[in-house]
Amino acid sequence: MHTRCADLEAQLNRQAQLPPAAPSQSHSMGGRRRLPDPERFVGKRDGVRSFVEKVDNVISGESASFTDDESRRAYMVSLLSGDAYLWYSNLASNAARSPEGLLIMTYQSLKDKLLSAFRDSDEEATAQRKLAVLQQGKGSAQEYAIKFRQYAYRSGWNDVSKMTAYREGLNVELLDRMITLDPAENLESLIQQSIIIDDRLFQYRALKRQQLIQQLRPVNRVAHPKATPVVAQNFHAAGESSAVTYDAMDLSATRQNNKTFPKGPLPEAEKERRTKLGLCRYCGGNHPIDSCPKLAVKEKKSVPGARQALLQFEPEWEVQSSTEQFHESLDEDYSPKN
């Protein structure tokens, strides 16, 4: 027995004197990639349970690498750092000098002592206080649910109390959308409902933001083409013509189914056309020139006998004639009737 205790003391002293090995991110075993190592445990009370659970997961998932209790214990020790490793170093030194030192040689006993040393003495009350003030805030429902679960299973509350606390921490906008859903049967169902609705709200806000950006973006305005001036011909007595331009958008320059002729001597073709159709040679109206109202008005303003004098001169071309009649008369004989 004395020889066995001496061997144990020597082994524990060697472990306590060696610095902790830096854990690699992953191990390779026979060409197969191992699970990533947990982060080092430095002695924080709120992280000891999570650390132990992660180490258990790696050992369970990589059972081929941890075939005995000594390899499992050595793996956990290699992940201790700071205050946590100092604690283990003192524990190993003290255990080597007592019969109880054999207990820490097992992986399970090391876990229990680690939890007992660094676990919150009132873990349940601490978890309840954390849940009472936990809020979703500006984060997503999924992030909120992860934090909520960390404390929920330590709180000692039943499922109904956990669901009530979870709802109280959600955003008001998200709660309003969840009113229309069927009541959740348990905490996990409630969490899944909140995550689905929150994802939809996120997509909706992203779409509205994109539409607003498009509305505020300046629009390239297309300039309207400049109106092309229309050229009309003004006939003079000498037979020459000069260009008279007016804007195509000037509605007063055109009339439907009629032509407006500028003032000036009447061309021979137009004079013959009016004679052929029996139209007034002065204004182009459907009446003889002797009864032309426009000519009568002009006669009143002139001296006596001016009517016969006016008839001897070329009338002014101040005419509105039907376009259709004008085209129909182009092929007819406009020679004057004597």
Protein backbone atom coordinates (compact mmCIF):
# COMPACT_ATOMS: atom_id res chain seq x y z
CA MET A 1 0.00 0.00 0.00
CA HIS A 2 2.84 2.36 0.86
CA THR A 3 4.52 1.67 -2.49
CA ARG A 4 1.25 2.33 -4.37
CA CYS A 5 0.71 5.68 -2.62
CA ALA A 6 4.29 6.69 -3.39
CA ASP A 7 3.76 5.95 -7.07
CA LEU A 8 0.51 7.91 -7.05
CA GLU A 9 2.16 10.90 -5.39
CA ALA A 10 4.94 10.94 -7.94
CA GLN A 11 2.47 10.78 -10.83
CA LEU A 12 0.31 13.59 -9.45
CA ASN A 13 3.32 15.79 -8.82
CA ARG A 14 4.44 15.35 -12.41
CA GLN A 15 0.98 16.39 -13.67
CA ALA A 16 0.87 19.43 -11.37
CA GLN A 17 4.29 20.63 -12.49
CA LEU A 18 3.57 20.39 -16.21
CA PRO A 19 1.96 23.49 -17.78
CA PRO A 20 -1.38 22.90 -19.46
CA ALA A 21 -1.10 21.93 -23.10
CA ALA A 22 -2.69 24.28 -25.57
CA PRO A 23 -5.69 22.47 -27.04
CA SER A 24 -5.78 22.26 -30.79
CA GLN A 25 -8.85 23.28 -32.70
CA SER A 26 -9.31 19.79 -34.04
CA HIS A 27 -7.61 16.43 -33.94
CA SER A 28 -7.01 13.95 -36.69
CA MET A 29 -7.49 10.27 -36.01
CA GLY A 30 -6.83 7.87 -38.82
CA GLY A 31 -7.56 10.55 -41.41
CA ARG A 32 -10.91 11.41 -39.76
CA ARG A 33 -11.44 14.93 -38.48
CA ARG A 34 -12.18 15.21 -34.75
CA LEU A 35 -14.62 17.48 -32.97
CA PRO A 36 -13.27 20.95 -32.06
CA ASP A 37 -11.89 21.37 -28.55
CA PRO A 38 -13.85 23.50 -26.06
CA GLU A 39 -12.45 26.84 -24.99
CA ARG A 40 -10.13 26.82 -21.98
CA PHE A 41 -11.82 27.07 -18.60
CA VAL A 42 -10.20 29.84 -16.54
CA GLY A 43 -12.38 29.54 -13.43
CA LYS A 44 -15.49 31.66 -14.11
CA ARG A 45 -18.46 30.42 -12.13
CA ASP A 46 -21.02 30.97 -14.85
CA GLY A 47 -19.05 28.85 -17.33
CA VAL A 48 -18.09 25.72 -15.43
CA ARG A 49 -21.19 23.70 -16.25
CA SER A 50 -20.96 24.57 -19.95
CA PHE A 51 -17.27 23.59 -19.96
CA VAL A 52 -17.92 20.19 -18.40
CA GLU A 53 -20.75 19.48 -20.85
CA LYS A 54 -18.58 20.35 -23.85
CA VAL A 55 -15.76 18.11 -22.65
CA ASP A 56 -18.26 15.26 -22.21
CA ASN A 57 -19.49 15.78 -25.77
CA VAL A 58 -15.99 15.55 -27.23
CA ILE A 59 -15.14 12.43 -25.23
CA SER A 60 -18.42 10.75 -26.22
CA GLY A 61 -18.05 11.68 -29.86
CA GLU A 62 -14.42 10.57 -30.01
CA SER A 63 -14.58 7.45 -27.88
CA ALA A 64 -11.85 5.79 -29.95
CA SER A 65 -9.40 8.45 -28.77
CA PHE A 66 -10.32 8.12 -25.07
CA THR A 67 -10.20 4.41 -24.35
CA ASP A 68 -9.46 4.64 -20.60
CA ASP A 69 -10.22 6.87 -17.66
CA GLU A 70 -6.71 8.27 -17.51
CA SER A 71 -6.88 9.65 -21.08
CA ARG A 72 -10.24 11.29 -20.36
CA ARG A 73 -8.97 12.91 -17.17
CA ALA A 74 -5.78 14.09 -18.86
CA TYR A 75 -7.81 15.66 -21.66
CA MET A 76 -9.89 17.70 -19.20
CA VAL A 77 -6.81 18.82 -17.29
CA SER A 78 -5.20 20.02 -20.53
CA LEU A 79 -8.09 22.46 -20.99
CA LEU A 80 -7.77 24.09 -17.54
CA SER A 81 -6.10 27.48 -17.31
CA GLY A 82 -5.68 30.39 -14.92
CA ASP A 83 -7.42 29.98 -11.56
CA ALA A 84 -8.89 26.65 -12.66
CA TYR A 85 -5.47 25.11 -13.27
CA LEU A 86 -4.09 26.49 -9.97
CA TRP A 87 -7.03 24.85 -8.24
CA TYR A 88 -6.22 21.50 -9.85
CA SER A 89 -2.51 21.83 -9.06
CA ASN A 90 -3.24 22.33 -5.36
CA LEU A 91 -5.78 19.52 -5.43
CA ALA A 92 -3.30 17.10 -6.96
CA SER A 93 -0.58 18.02 -4.47
CA ASN A 94 -2.87 17.60 -1.47
CA ALA A 95 -4.42 14.39 -2.80
CA ALA A 96 -1.02 12.80 -3.26
CA ARG A 97 -0.44 13.08 0.47
CA SER A 98 -3.73 11.50 1.48
CA PRO A 99 -5.49 8.18 0.89
CA GLU A 100 -8.29 10.08 -0.85
CA GLY A 101 -5.89 10.97 -3.62
CA LEU A 102 -6.93 7.86 -5.48
CA LEU A 103 -10.38 9.38 -6.07
CA ILE A 104 -9.18 12.18 -8.31
CA MET A 105 -7.60 9.68 -10.61
CA THR A 106 -11.04 9.02 -12.14
CA TYR A 107 -12.61 11.29 -14.71
CA GLN A 108 -15.99 11.38 -12.95
CA SER A 109 -14.53 12.39 -9.60
CA LEU A 110 -12.57 15.19 -11.27
CA LYS A 111 -15.75 16.53 -12.87
CA ASP A 112 -17.64 16.47 -9.57
CA LYS A 113 -14.88 18.30 -7.71
CA LEU A 114 -14.57 20.88 -10.49
CA LEU A 115 -18.31 21.59 -10.43
CA SER A 116 -18.35 21.76 -6.65
CA ALA A 117 -15.46 24.21 -6.57
CA PHE A 118 -16.60 26.64 -9.27
CA ARG A 119 -20.37 26.22 -9.49
CA ASP A 120 -22.61 28.98 -8.20
CA SER A 121 -23.71 28.08 -4.70
CA ASP A 122 -27.22 29.35 -5.48
CA GLU A 123 -27.37 28.50 -9.16
CA GLU A 124 -31.15 28.25 -9.29
CA ALA A 125 -31.77 31.70 -7.83
CA THR A 126 -29.13 33.21 -10.13
CA ALA A 127 -30.79 31.67 -13.18
CA GLN A 128 -34.18 33.03 -12.09
CA ARG A 129 -32.77 36.54 -11.72
CA LYS A 130 -31.19 36.31 -15.16
CA LEU A 131 -34.48 35.24 -16.76
CA ALA A 132 -36.40 38.04 -15.03
CA VAL A 133 -34.33 40.75 -16.74
CA LEU A 134 -33.53 39.02 -20.04
CA GLN A 135 -34.93 40.90 -23.07
CA GLN A 136 -34.80 40.33 -26.81
CA GLY A 137 -33.87 43.96 -27.46
CA LYS A 138 -32.69 44.69 -31.00
CA GLY A 139 -31.42 41.17 -31.53
CA SER A 140 -33.19 38.33 -33.27
CA ALA A 141 -35.58 35.90 -31.61
CA GLN A 142 -33.09 33.11 -32.24
CA GLU A 143 -30.34 34.90 -30.31
CA TYR A 144 -32.77 35.62 -27.50
CA ALA A 145 -33.84 31.96 -27.36
CA ILE A 146 -30.23 30.75 -27.05
CA LYS A 147 -29.61 32.97 -24.03
CA PHE A 148 -32.96 32.05 -22.51
CA ARG A 149 -32.25 28.31 -22.69
CA GLN A 150 -28.92 28.76 -20.88
CA TYR A 151 -30.74 29.83 -17.73
CA ALA A 152 -34.10 28.14 -18.17
CA TYR A 153 -32.97 24.59 -17.42
CA ARG A 154 -31.18 25.78 -14.23
CA SER A 155 -34.06 27.89 -12.94
CA GLY A 156 -36.13 25.07 -11.48
CA TRP A 157 -39.30 26.56 -13.03
CA ASN A 158 -41.97 24.48 -14.68
CA ASP A 159 -42.77 24.85 -18.38
CA VAL A 160 -45.63 27.30 -17.83
CA SER A 161 -43.43 29.69 -15.83
CA LYS A 162 -40.69 29.47 -18.44
CA MET A 163 -43.17 30.27 -21.25
CA THR A 164 -44.45 33.30 -19.33
CA ALA A 165 -40.92 34.61 -18.81
CA TYR A 166 -40.07 34.01 -22.47
CA ARG A 167 -43.08 36.01 -23.71
CA GLU A 168 -42.29 38.91 -21.38
CA GLY A 169 -38.84 39.24 -22.93
CA LEU A 170 -40.01 39.36 -26.56
CA ASN A 171 -40.38 42.59 -28.53
CA VAL A 172 -43.84 44.16 -28.61
CA GLU A 173 -44.00 44.05 -32.42
CA LEU A 174 -43.26 40.33 -32.42
CA LEU A 175 -45.84 39.66 -29.70
CA ASP A 176 -48.51 41.49 -31.72
CA ARG A 177 -47.92 39.18 -34.68
CA MET A 178 -47.99 36.06 -32.49
CA ILE A 179 -51.46 36.83 -31.13
CA THR A 180 -53.05 35.42 -34.28
CA LEU A 181 -51.30 32.04 -33.85
CA ASP A 182 -52.62 29.04 -31.95
CA PRO A 183 -51.33 28.89 -28.35
CA ALA A 184 -48.07 26.96 -28.01
CA GLU A 185 -48.22 23.70 -26.05
CA ASN A 186 -44.74 23.97 -24.51
CA LEU A 187 -41.65 26.17 -24.35
CA GLU A 188 -39.98 24.72 -27.43
CA SER A 189 -43.13 25.26 -29.54
CA LEU A 190 -43.31 28.86 -28.34
CA ILE A 191 -39.66 29.43 -29.20
CA GLN A 192 -40.12 28.02 -32.71
CA GLN A 193 -43.18 30.23 -33.32
CA SER A 194 -41.29 33.35 -32.28
CA ILE A 195 -38.30 32.53 -34.50
CA ILE A 196 -40.49 31.94 -37.59
CA ILE A 197 -42.47 35.19 -37.14
CA ASP A 198 -39.32 37.18 -36.36
CA ASP A 199 -37.65 35.93 -39.55
CA ARG A 200 -40.70 37.02 -41.58
CA LEU A 201 -40.66 40.46 -39.98
CA PHE A 202 -36.98 40.80 -40.81
CA GLN A 203 -37.62 39.95 -44.46
CA TYR A 204 -40.57 42.38 -44.60
CA ARG A 205 -38.51 45.25 -43.15
CA ALA A 206 -35.69 44.52 -45.60
CA LEU A 207 -38.13 44.66 -48.53
CA LYS A 208 -39.69 47.94 -47.35
CA ARG A 209 -36.24 49.45 -46.91
CA GLN A 210 -35.30 48.45 -50.46
CA GLN A 211 -38.51 49.98 -51.85
CA LEU A 212 -37.88 53.23 -49.96
CA ILE A 213 -34.36 53.47 -51.38
CA GLN A 214 -35.72 53.02 -54.90
CA GLN A 215 -38.33 55.74 -54.34
CA LEU A 216 -35.73 58.21 -53.06
CA ARG A 217 -33.35 57.46 -55.91
CA PRO A 218 -33.37 60.31 -58.51
CA VAL A 219 -35.17 59.42 -61.75
CA ASN A 220 -33.51 60.20 -65.08
CA ARG A 221 -35.99 62.47 -66.85
CA VAL A 222 -36.28 62.05 -70.64
CA ALA A 223 -36.40 65.37 -72.46
CA HIS A 224 -39.32 65.76 -74.87
CA PRO A 225 -38.29 66.31 -78.49
CA LYS A 226 -38.51 69.90 -79.63
CA ALA A 227 -41.48 70.65 -81.85
CA THR A 228 -40.55 70.93 -85.50
CA PRO A 229 -41.74 74.18 -87.07
CA VAL A 230 -44.29 73.85 -89.88
CA VAL A 231 -43.60 75.89 -92.98
CA ALA A 232 -46.46 77.48 -94.92
CA GLN A 233 -46.21 79.30 -98.21
CA ASN A 234 -47.37 82.89 -98.63
CA PHE A 235 -48.14 83.66 -102.26
CA HIS A 236 -47.57 87.14 -103.62
CA ALA A 237 -48.70 88.85 -106.78
CA ALA A 238 -45.32 88.39 -108.42
CA GLY A 239 -45.72 84.62 -108.09
CA GLU A 240 -42.89 84.33 -105.54
CA SER A 241 -43.34 82.62 -102.18
CA SER A 242 -41.79 83.26 -98.81
CA ALA A 243 -41.65 80.80 -95.92
CA VAL A 244 -44.00 81.50 -93.01
CA THR A 245 -43.29 79.37 -89.95
CA TYR A 246 -45.42 78.62 -86.93
CA ASP A 247 -45.06 76.17 -84.07
CA ALA A 248 -46.65 72.77 -84.55
CA MET A 249 -48.22 73.04 -81.09
CA ASP A 250 -49.99 76.30 -81.99
CA LEU A 251 -53.56 75.07 -82.28
CA SER A 252 -54.73 78.34 -83.76
CA ALA A 253 -52.64 77.65 -86.87
CA THR A 254 -54.67 74.59 -87.88
CA ARG A 255 -58.31 73.64 -88.19
CA GLN A 256 -59.80 70.19 -88.59
CA ASN A 257 -60.75 69.44 -92.23
CA ASN A 258 -60.00 73.05 -93.31
CA LYS A 259 -57.10 75.07 -94.58
CA THR A 260 -56.40 78.62 -93.48
CA PHE A 261 -54.72 80.61 -96.23
CA PRO A 262 -52.64 83.69 -95.50
CA LYS A 263 -53.64 87.02 -96.97
CA GLY A 264 -52.38 87.87 -100.43
CA PRO A 265 -53.28 87.65 -104.12
CA LEU A 266 -55.38 84.63 -105.00
CA PRO A 267 -53.47 82.05 -107.10
CA GLU A 268 -54.91 81.25 -110.51
CA ALA A 269 -55.56 77.63 -109.56
CA GLU A 270 -57.59 78.64 -106.50
CA LYS A 271 -59.48 81.29 -108.45
CA GLU A 272 -60.43 78.79 -111.14
CA ARG A 273 -61.42 76.21 -108.53
CA ARG A 274 -63.85 78.61 -106.85
CA THR A 275 -65.34 79.58 -110.18
CA LYS A 276 -65.77 75.93 -111.11
CA LEU A 277 -67.50 75.09 -107.81
CA GLY A 278 -69.62 78.19 -107.77
CA LEU A 279 -67.96 79.53 -104.65
CA CYS A 280 -67.42 83.13 -103.71
CA ARG A 281 -64.26 84.35 -105.34
CA TYR A 282 -63.60 86.69 -102.41
CA CYS A 283 -64.04 84.54 -99.29
CA GLY A 284 -64.55 81.04 -100.75
CA GLY A 285 -68.00 80.72 -99.18
CA ASN A 286 -70.94 78.85 -100.74
CA HIS A 287 -72.59 81.95 -102.18
CA PRO A 288 -72.12 84.32 -105.12
CA ILE A 289 -69.63 87.08 -104.74
CA ASP A 290 -72.44 89.65 -105.12
CA SER A 291 -73.94 88.49 -101.82
CA CYS A 292 -70.66 88.01 -99.93
CA PRO A 293 -71.17 89.30 -96.36
CA LYS A 294 -67.47 89.96 -95.88
CA LEU A 295 -67.33 91.99 -99.03
CA ALA A 296 -70.42 93.92 -97.96
CA VAL A 297 -68.77 94.82 -94.65
CA LYS A 298 -65.68 96.02 -96.43
CA GLU A 299 -67.82 97.98 -98.89
CA LYS A 300 -69.54 99.88 -96.09
CA LYS A 301 -66.17 100.96 -94.78
CA SER A 302 -65.03 102.14 -98.22
CA VAL A 303 -66.14 105.06 -100.39
CA PRO A 304 -69.24 104.82 -102.64
CA GLY A 305 -68.68 102.77 -105.76
CA ALA A 306 -65.86 100.85 -104.19
CA ARG A 307 -67.75 97.56 -104.61
CA GLN A 308 -67.36 97.50 -108.38
CA ALA A 309 -63.76 98.64 -108.04
CA LEU A 310 -63.03 95.81 -105.63
CA LEU A 311 -64.50 93.26 -108.00
CA GLN A 312 -62.00 94.32 -110.64
CA PHE A 313 -59.05 93.51 -108.37
CA GLU A 314 -57.74 90.20 -107.09
CA PRO A 315 -59.51 89.35 -103.80
CA GLU A 316 -57.45 88.66 -100.73
CA TRP A 317 -56.77 85.04 -99.95
CA GLU A 318 -58.44 84.93 -96.58
CA VAL A 319 -60.17 81.64 -97.01
CA GLN A 320 -61.21 78.61 -95.08
CA SER A 321 -62.13 75.88 -97.54
CA SER A 322 -62.78 72.22 -97.02
CA THR A 323 -59.69 70.06 -97.48
CA GLU A 324 -61.71 67.34 -99.12
CA GLN A 325 -63.24 69.77 -101.63
CA PHE A 326 -59.82 71.16 -102.44
CA HIS A 327 -58.39 67.73 -103.25
CA GLU A 328 -61.45 66.76 -105.33
CA SER A 329 -61.11 69.88 -107.50
CA LEU A 330 -57.43 69.50 -108.31
CA ASP A 331 -58.07 67.37 -111.40
CA GLU A 332 -60.93 69.48 -112.77
CA ASP A 333 -60.81 72.21 -115.38
CA TYR A 334 -60.42 75.61 -113.74
CA SER A 335 -60.56 77.66 -116.93
CA PRO A 336 -62.75 80.78 -116.46
CA LYS A 337 -66.23 80.73 -117.92
CA ASN A 338 -66.78 83.70 -120.33
